[in-house]
Each structure stands twice: as structure tokens, then as C-alpha cells.
Amino acid sequence: MKKIVFAITLTLMLVGTASAQTAKKVLDKCASTVSQSGGVTASFTMNSAQYGNASGTVSIKGKMFHIQSTTTTMWFDGKTLWTYMPSNDEVNISTPTAQQLQALNPYHFISMYKQGYKYTMSTTATAYTVHLTSTDAQHKIGEAFITVDKSSYAPTEIRLLQGAQWTTFTISGLKAERLADSTFRFNSSAYPDAEIIDLR
């Protein structure tokens, strides 16, 4: 009897390990798709009880990103963050911390699995869905679901749990681009009347 219980336990452990390894391979391929050297662009919608609803476009190149939405526009060149709010025609300039970038950087949602998360995966005919659960109390994102298209390995939906509230990003039209670094820096000449507030 003990041998049977041991065999069942070992089998379940091996299945769980294989599932985690497969999930990691899916996320590795997804991260590779998003982090193409020339950059990528995509459209998105966001639904969040915490941050409200928005839609727009996102461009990513390495650690740099540019987000243009219905509520705000952000540029990050790897060091400096510019945030433009059209409601009051104001631009805030800051140097975000690593923790702040966790909540801002779209690529972080794809790459965060590499440290401090355990994962499981489910599949449908067209997609993989990886469930991440934090093993580090310091993480702002305690849980996430990342849905990845089976044919392109592009992310199509990202659900993030911060505190007790979920935020859902639906992503479409991801494509490789050749993006200039200037894409990720604020151009003051395009916003001549905006008030500049330097918070650095």
C-alpha cells in the first residue's frame, strides 16, 4: 500500500514539474516575441476597478515603452518617464523606481514569471493560459493569468491581481516594427502649451 501511495505521489509531482516546465517554455517564447530587437507595437484595452477603463496603443523596445491611451500618454526611455495628461495639459517628468515600473512597464507583465512566481497552465484549441502565483510577498502583483496565442506566441490577454483588485488587458494586432529610440522620449515641440512639472 505504501508503495502505491508513493508511486501516485511521485507521478503527481512529476506531472506538476512537467506542467511548470511547459508553462515556462510558453512564457519564454512569448517574452521572445514581445522583445524583438527592433521593437513591437500593439493595440490594447484596459478594464480595471482600480485604474478605470482605457484603450490605446503600446510600443515596446527592450526596456523602453510608449503608451498612448484615451486617458494619458507615457514615454519611458529606460531611465526617464514622461507622463502627459490631456485633461489638464500637464507633463510630469520622473525617474521611476523598479517597483513603480512593475506597475507601468508592459513588458514586465510578460517577464515577471522569471523570478518569484510559480505557475500552472491550461490550454484550448487556440491558446495557452498560464496562471502565475507569487511566492514573494514583496511583489505588487500577487497573481496573474497570461493568455498566449498558440500559433504566434503573442500575448492576447493579461489579468493582474494587485491587492484585492483585478486589472485586465486585452491585446491585439501585435507586430514587429523598427522603432527609433526617439519614439520613447517626450517631444516638447508637439505639446507647446503643456505645463512641464519636473519631479526628479
C-alpha atoms as a PDB file:
ATOM      1  CA  MET A   1       0.000   0.000   0.000  1.00  0.00           C
ATOM      2  CA  LYS A   2       2.810   2.388   0.925  1.00  0.00           C
ATOM      3  CA  LYS A   3       4.473   1.661  -2.418  1.00  0.00           C
ATOM      4  CA  ILE A   4       1.259   2.504  -4.272  1.00  0.00           C
ATOM      5  CA  VAL A   5       0.832   5.798  -2.383  1.00  0.00           C
ATOM      6  CA  PHE A   6       4.467   6.668  -3.030  1.00  0.00           C
ATOM      7  CA  ALA A   7       4.090   5.871  -6.749  1.00  0.00           C
ATOM      8  CA  ILE A   8       0.975   8.050  -7.036  1.00  0.00           C
ATOM      9  CA  THR A   9       2.649  10.909  -5.166  1.00  0.00           C
ATOM     10  CA  LEU A  10       5.761  10.683  -7.343  1.00  0.00           C
ATOM     11  CA  THR A  11       3.654  10.627 -10.512  1.00  0.00           C
ATOM     12  CA  LEU A  12       1.736  13.736  -9.438  1.00  0.00           C
ATOM     13  CA  MET A  13       4.986  15.525  -8.605  1.00  0.00           C
ATOM     14  CA  LEU A  14       6.460  14.661 -12.000  1.00  0.00           C
ATOM     15  CA  VAL A  15       3.293  15.797 -13.800  1.00  0.00           C
ATOM     16  CA  GLY A  16       3.360  19.067 -11.855  1.00  0.00           C
ATOM     17  CA  THR A  17       7.035  19.610 -12.689  1.00  0.00           C
ATOM     18  CA  ALA A  18       6.439  18.863 -16.373  1.00  0.00           C
ATOM     19  CA  SER A  19       3.485  21.268 -16.430  1.00  0.00           C
ATOM     20  CA  ALA A  20       5.588  24.041 -14.872  1.00  0.00           C
ATOM     21  CA  GLN A  21       8.407  23.417 -17.343  1.00  0.00           C
ATOM     22  CA  THR A  22       5.962  23.532 -20.275  1.00  0.00           C
ATOM     23  CA  ALA A  23       4.425  26.752 -18.931  1.00  0.00           C
ATOM     24  CA  LYS A  24       7.887  28.285 -18.659  1.00  0.00           C
ATOM     25  CA  LYS A  25       8.656  27.369 -22.275  1.00  0.00           C
ATOM     26  CA  VAL A  26       5.440  29.069 -23.406  1.00  0.00           C
ATOM     27  CA  LEU A  27       6.276  32.226 -21.441  1.00  0.00           C
ATOM     28  CA  ASP A  28       9.871  32.167 -22.715  1.00  0.00           C
ATOM     29  CA  LYS A  29       8.576  32.130 -26.307  1.00  0.00           C
ATOM     30  CA  CYS A  30       6.013  34.833 -25.504  1.00  0.00           C
ATOM     31  CA  ALA A  31       8.718  37.041 -23.956  1.00  0.00           C
ATOM     32  CA  SER A  32      10.900  36.490 -27.027  1.00  0.00           C
ATOM     33  CA  THR A  33       8.021  37.543 -29.311  1.00  0.00           C
ATOM     34  CA  VAL A  34       7.462  40.768 -27.372  1.00  0.00           C
ATOM     35  CA  SER A  35      11.160  41.624 -27.020  1.00  0.00           C
ATOM     36  CA  GLN A  36      12.171  41.602 -30.693  1.00  0.00           C
ATOM     37  CA  SER A  37      15.225  43.801 -31.234  1.00  0.00           C
ATOM     38  CA  GLY A  38      13.557  46.423 -33.439  1.00  0.00           C
ATOM     39  CA  GLY A  39      10.516  46.731 -31.197  1.00  0.00           C
ATOM     40  CA  VAL A  40       6.832  45.806 -31.341  1.00  0.00           C
ATOM     41  CA  THR A  41       3.531  47.673 -31.338  1.00  0.00           C
ATOM     42  CA  ALA A  42       0.024  46.558 -30.375  1.00  0.00           C
ATOM     43  CA  SER A  43      -3.434  47.827 -29.547  1.00  0.00           C
ATOM     44  CA  PHE A  44      -4.931  47.289 -26.105  1.00  0.00           C
ATOM     45  CA  THR A  45      -7.937  47.838 -23.907  1.00  0.00           C
ATOM     46  CA  MET A  46      -7.742  48.003 -20.123  1.00  0.00           C
ATOM     47  CA  ASN A  47     -10.546  47.259 -17.664  1.00  0.00           C
ATOM     48  CA  SER A  48      -9.747  47.974 -14.037  1.00  0.00           C
ATOM     49  CA  ALA A  49     -11.711  48.710 -10.895  1.00  0.00           C
ATOM     50  CA  GLN A  50      -8.577  50.404  -9.562  1.00  0.00           C
ATOM     51  CA  TYR A  51      -7.419  52.429 -12.589  1.00  0.00           C
ATOM     52  CA  GLY A  52     -10.582  52.736 -14.674  1.00  0.00           C
ATOM     53  CA  ASN A  53     -11.054  51.769 -18.313  1.00  0.00           C
ATOM     54  CA  ALA A  54      -8.871  52.862 -21.219  1.00  0.00           C
ATOM     55  CA  SER A  55      -7.801  51.854 -24.707  1.00  0.00           C
ATOM     56  CA  GLY A  56      -4.937  52.775 -26.958  1.00  0.00           C
ATOM     57  CA  THR A  57      -1.642  51.597 -28.400  1.00  0.00           C
ATOM     58  CA  VAL A  58       1.629  50.449 -26.869  1.00  0.00           C
ATOM     59  CA  SER A  59       5.137  50.330 -28.330  1.00  0.00           C
ATOM     60  CA  ILE A  60       7.952  48.365 -26.661  1.00  0.00           C
ATOM     61  CA  LYS A  61      11.658  48.154 -27.431  1.00  0.00           C
ATOM     62  CA  GLY A  62      13.844  46.498 -24.826  1.00  0.00           C
ATOM     63  CA  LYS A  63      13.178  48.272 -21.528  1.00  0.00           C
ATOM     64  CA  MET A  64      11.683  51.296 -23.293  1.00  0.00           C
ATOM     65  CA  PHE A  65       7.969  51.788 -23.815  1.00  0.00           C
ATOM     66  CA  HIS A  66       5.481  54.311 -25.173  1.00  0.00           C
ATOM     67  CA  ILE A  67       1.784  54.126 -24.264  1.00  0.00           C
ATOM     68  CA  GLN A  68      -0.865  56.307 -25.858  1.00  0.00           C
ATOM     69  CA  SER A  69      -4.346  55.875 -24.409  1.00  0.00           C
ATOM     70  CA  THR A  70      -7.620  57.706 -24.054  1.00  0.00           C
ATOM     71  CA  THR A  71      -6.594  58.986 -20.616  1.00  0.00           C
ATOM     72  CA  THR A  72      -2.814  59.504 -20.693  1.00  0.00           C
ATOM     73  CA  THR A  73       0.345  59.240 -22.775  1.00  0.00           C
ATOM     74  CA  MET A  74       3.629  57.902 -21.384  1.00  0.00           C
ATOM     75  CA  TRP A  75       7.168  57.723 -22.723  1.00  0.00           C
ATOM     76  CA  PHE A  76       9.956  55.794 -20.981  1.00  0.00           C
ATOM     77  CA  ASP A  77      13.473  55.718 -22.462  1.00  0.00           C
ATOM     78  CA  GLY A  78      14.928  53.276 -19.954  1.00  0.00           C
ATOM     79  CA  LYS A  79      15.638  55.958 -17.362  1.00  0.00           C
ATOM     80  CA  THR A  80      13.206  58.892 -17.552  1.00  0.00           C
ATOM     81  CA  LEU A  81       9.404  58.705 -17.579  1.00  0.00           C
ATOM     82  CA  TRP A  82       7.262  61.438 -19.102  1.00  0.00           C
ATOM     83  CA  THR A  83       3.534  61.299 -18.335  1.00  0.00           C
ATOM     84  CA  TYR A  84       1.190  63.592 -20.259  1.00  0.00           C
ATOM     85  CA  MET A  85      -2.341  64.136 -19.005  1.00  0.00           C
ATOM     86  CA  PRO A  86      -4.535  65.816 -21.630  1.00  0.00           C
ATOM     87  CA  SER A  87      -7.232  66.630 -19.071  1.00  0.00           C
ATOM     88  CA  ASN A  88      -5.042  69.396 -17.605  1.00  0.00           C
ATOM     89  CA  ASP A  89      -2.408  69.721 -20.376  1.00  0.00           C
ATOM     90  CA  GLU A  90       0.384  68.767 -17.983  1.00  0.00           C
ATOM     91  CA  VAL A  91       3.548  66.676 -18.311  1.00  0.00           C
ATOM     92  CA  ASN A  92       5.171  65.096 -15.255  1.00  0.00           C
ATOM     93  CA  ILE A  93       8.821  64.060 -15.555  1.00  0.00           C
ATOM     94  CA  SER A  94      10.123  61.437 -13.137  1.00  0.00           C
ATOM     95  CA  THR A  95      12.715  58.719 -12.622  1.00  0.00           C
ATOM     96  CA  PRO A  96      10.590  55.696 -11.665  1.00  0.00           C
ATOM     97  CA  THR A  97      11.770  53.087  -9.199  1.00  0.00           C
ATOM     98  CA  ALA A  98      11.905  49.396 -10.073  1.00  0.00           C
ATOM     99  CA  GLN A  99       8.702  48.858  -8.075  1.00  0.00           C
ATOM    100  CA  GLN A 100       6.904  51.658  -9.920  1.00  0.00           C
ATOM    101  CA  LEU A 101       7.959  50.169 -13.229  1.00  0.00           C
ATOM    102  CA  GLN A 102       6.370  46.862 -12.211  1.00  0.00           C
ATOM    103  CA  ALA A 103       3.007  48.604 -12.430  1.00  0.00           C
ATOM    104  CA  LEU A 104       3.825  50.619 -15.572  1.00  0.00           C
ATOM    105  CA  ASN A 105       6.063  48.658 -17.903  1.00  0.00           C
ATOM    106  CA  PRO A 106       4.010  46.415 -20.231  1.00  0.00           C
ATOM    107  CA  TYR A 107       6.966  44.078 -20.737  1.00  0.00           C
ATOM    108  CA  HIS A 108       7.191  43.449 -17.004  1.00  0.00           C
ATOM    109  CA  PHE A 109       3.851  41.641 -17.169  1.00  0.00           C
ATOM    110  CA  ILE A 110       5.362  39.171 -19.620  1.00  0.00           C
ATOM    111  CA  SER A 111       8.776  38.740 -17.975  1.00  0.00           C
ATOM    112  CA  MET A 112       7.856  38.796 -14.268  1.00  0.00           C
ATOM    113  CA  TYR A 113       7.473  34.990 -14.196  1.00  0.00           C
ATOM    114  CA  LYS A 114      11.265  34.604 -14.256  1.00  0.00           C
ATOM    115  CA  GLN A 115      11.636  35.264 -10.544  1.00  0.00           C
ATOM    116  CA  GLY A 116       9.395  34.763  -7.540  1.00  0.00           C
ATOM    117  CA  TYR A 117       6.399  33.085  -9.187  1.00  0.00           C
ATOM    118  CA  LYS A 118       5.149  29.537  -9.555  1.00  0.00           C
ATOM    119  CA  TYR A 119       2.965  28.650 -12.499  1.00  0.00           C
ATOM    120  CA  THR A 120       0.496  26.207 -13.952  1.00  0.00           C
ATOM    121  CA  MET A 121      -1.031  26.126 -17.412  1.00  0.00           C
ATOM    122  CA  SER A 122      -4.259  25.228 -19.178  1.00  0.00           C
ATOM    123  CA  THR A 123      -4.834  25.009 -22.934  1.00  0.00           C
ATOM    124  CA  THR A 124      -7.589  25.394 -25.503  1.00  0.00           C
ATOM    125  CA  ALA A 125      -7.508  24.685 -29.230  1.00  0.00           C
ATOM    126  CA  THR A 126      -6.014  28.122 -29.948  1.00  0.00           C
ATOM    127  CA  ALA A 127      -4.332  29.390 -26.774  1.00  0.00           C
ATOM    128  CA  TYR A 128      -2.303  28.686 -23.671  1.00  0.00           C
ATOM    129  CA  THR A 129      -3.259  30.314 -20.358  1.00  0.00           C
ATOM    130  CA  VAL A 130      -0.528  30.426 -17.732  1.00  0.00           C
ATOM    131  CA  HIS A 131      -1.535  31.077 -14.127  1.00  0.00           C
ATOM    132  CA  LEU A 132       1.164  32.805 -12.071  1.00  0.00           C
ATOM    133  CA  THR A 133       1.103  32.886  -8.276  1.00  0.00           C
ATOM    134  CA  SER A 134       3.621  34.992  -6.362  1.00  0.00           C
ATOM    135  CA  THR A 135       5.972  33.317  -3.915  1.00  0.00           C
ATOM    136  CA  ASP A 136       7.383  36.693  -2.800  1.00  0.00           C
ATOM    137  CA  ALA A 137       5.367  38.960  -0.514  1.00  0.00           C
ATOM    138  CA  GLN A 138       7.218  41.996  -1.924  1.00  0.00           C
ATOM    139  CA  HIS A 139       5.603  41.610  -5.348  1.00  0.00           C
ATOM    140  CA  LYS A 140       2.899  44.139  -6.113  1.00  0.00           C
ATOM    141  CA  ILE A 141       1.264  41.621  -8.440  1.00  0.00           C
ATOM    142  CA  GLY A 142       0.171  38.647  -6.367  1.00  0.00           C
ATOM    143  CA  GLU A 143      -1.427  36.656  -9.138  1.00  0.00           C
ATOM    144  CA  ALA A 144      -1.744  36.793 -12.929  1.00  0.00           C
ATOM    145  CA  PHE A 145      -3.211  34.974 -15.897  1.00  0.00           C
ATOM    146  CA  ILE A 146      -1.369  35.368 -19.210  1.00  0.00           C
ATOM    147  CA  THR A 147      -3.108  34.064 -22.330  1.00  0.00           C
ATOM    148  CA  VAL A 148      -0.825  33.357 -25.294  1.00  0.00           C
ATOM    149  CA  ASP A 149      -1.819  32.594 -28.882  1.00  0.00           C
ATOM    150  CA  LYS A 150      -0.652  29.102 -29.857  1.00  0.00           C
ATOM    151  CA  SER A 151       0.411  29.967 -33.399  1.00  0.00           C
ATOM    152  CA  SER A 152       2.190  33.306 -32.872  1.00  0.00           C
ATOM    153  CA  TYR A 153       3.082  33.151 -29.161  1.00  0.00           C
ATOM    154  CA  ALA A 154       1.775  36.722 -28.845  1.00  0.00           C
ATOM    155  CA  PRO A 155       0.012  37.651 -25.590  1.00  0.00           C
ATOM    156  CA  THR A 156      -3.704  38.226 -26.142  1.00  0.00           C
ATOM    157  CA  GLU A 157      -4.912  38.822 -22.571  1.00  0.00           C
ATOM    158  CA  ILE A 158      -3.208  39.651 -19.276  1.00  0.00           C
ATOM    159  CA  ARG A 159      -5.095  39.653 -15.962  1.00  0.00           C
ATOM    160  CA  LEU A 160      -3.273  41.035 -12.924  1.00  0.00           C
ATOM    161  CA  LEU A 161      -4.255  40.954  -9.262  1.00  0.00           C
ATOM    162  CA  GLN A 162      -2.959  43.906  -7.213  1.00  0.00           C
ATOM    163  CA  GLY A 163      -4.219  43.833  -3.656  1.00  0.00           C
ATOM    164  CA  ALA A 164      -7.795  42.619  -3.992  1.00  0.00           C
ATOM    165  CA  GLN A 165      -8.491  44.128  -7.423  1.00  0.00           C
ATOM    166  CA  TRP A 166      -8.061  42.733 -10.911  1.00  0.00           C
ATOM    167  CA  THR A 167      -6.913  44.626 -13.983  1.00  0.00           C
ATOM    168  CA  THR A 168      -7.436  43.054 -17.417  1.00  0.00           C
ATOM    169  CA  PHE A 169      -5.548  43.982 -20.589  1.00  0.00           C
ATOM    170  CA  THR A 170      -6.810  42.687 -23.925  1.00  0.00           C
ATOM    171  CA  ILE A 171      -4.098  42.883 -26.594  1.00  0.00           C
ATOM    172  CA  SER A 172      -4.476  42.688 -30.372  1.00  0.00           C
ATOM    173  CA  GLY A 173      -2.519  43.380 -33.540  1.00  0.00           C
ATOM    174  CA  LEU A 174       0.935  42.753 -32.098  1.00  0.00           C
ATOM    175  CA  LYS A 175       3.510  43.263 -34.831  1.00  0.00           C
ATOM    176  CA  ALA A 176       7.248  43.760 -35.183  1.00  0.00           C
ATOM    177  CA  GLU A 177       8.409  47.275 -36.022  1.00  0.00           C
ATOM    178  CA  ARG A 178      11.651  49.191 -36.468  1.00  0.00           C
ATOM    179  CA  LEU A 179      11.166  51.820 -33.792  1.00  0.00           C
ATOM    180  CA  ALA A 180      13.541  54.742 -33.363  1.00  0.00           C
ATOM    181  CA  ASP A 181      14.699  55.460 -29.801  1.00  0.00           C
ATOM    182  CA  SER A 182      13.104  58.924 -30.124  1.00  0.00           C
ATOM    183  CA  THR A 183       9.710  57.159 -30.045  1.00  0.00           C
ATOM    184  CA  PHE A 184      10.268  56.682 -26.314  1.00  0.00           C
ATOM    185  CA  ARG A 185      11.153  60.286 -25.449  1.00  0.00           C
ATOM    186  CA  PHE A 186       8.798  63.206 -24.920  1.00  0.00           C
ATOM    187  CA  ASN A 187       8.930  65.789 -27.734  1.00  0.00           C
ATOM    188  CA  SER A 188       8.103  69.158 -26.171  1.00  0.00           C
ATOM    189  CA  SER A 189       7.547  70.804 -29.568  1.00  0.00           C
ATOM    190  CA  ALA A 190       4.497  68.578 -30.074  1.00  0.00           C
ATOM    191  CA  TYR A 191       2.959  69.947 -26.853  1.00  0.00           C
ATOM    192  CA  PRO A 192       3.949  73.639 -26.858  1.00  0.00           C
ATOM    193  CA  ASP A 193       1.336  74.739 -24.310  1.00  0.00           C
ATOM    194  CA  ALA A 194       1.756  71.889 -21.838  1.00  0.00           C
ATOM    195  CA  GLU A 195       2.908  72.708 -18.320  1.00  0.00           C
ATOM    196  CA  ILE A 196       6.140  70.805 -17.519  1.00  0.00           C
ATOM    197  CA  ILE A 197       6.484  69.556 -13.934  1.00  0.00           C
ATOM    198  CA  ASP A 198       9.889  68.034 -13.193  1.00  0.00           C
ATOM    199  CA  LEU A 199       9.616  65.609 -10.261  1.00  0.00           C
ATOM    200  CA  ARG A 200      13.142  64.179 -10.492  1.00  0.00           C
END
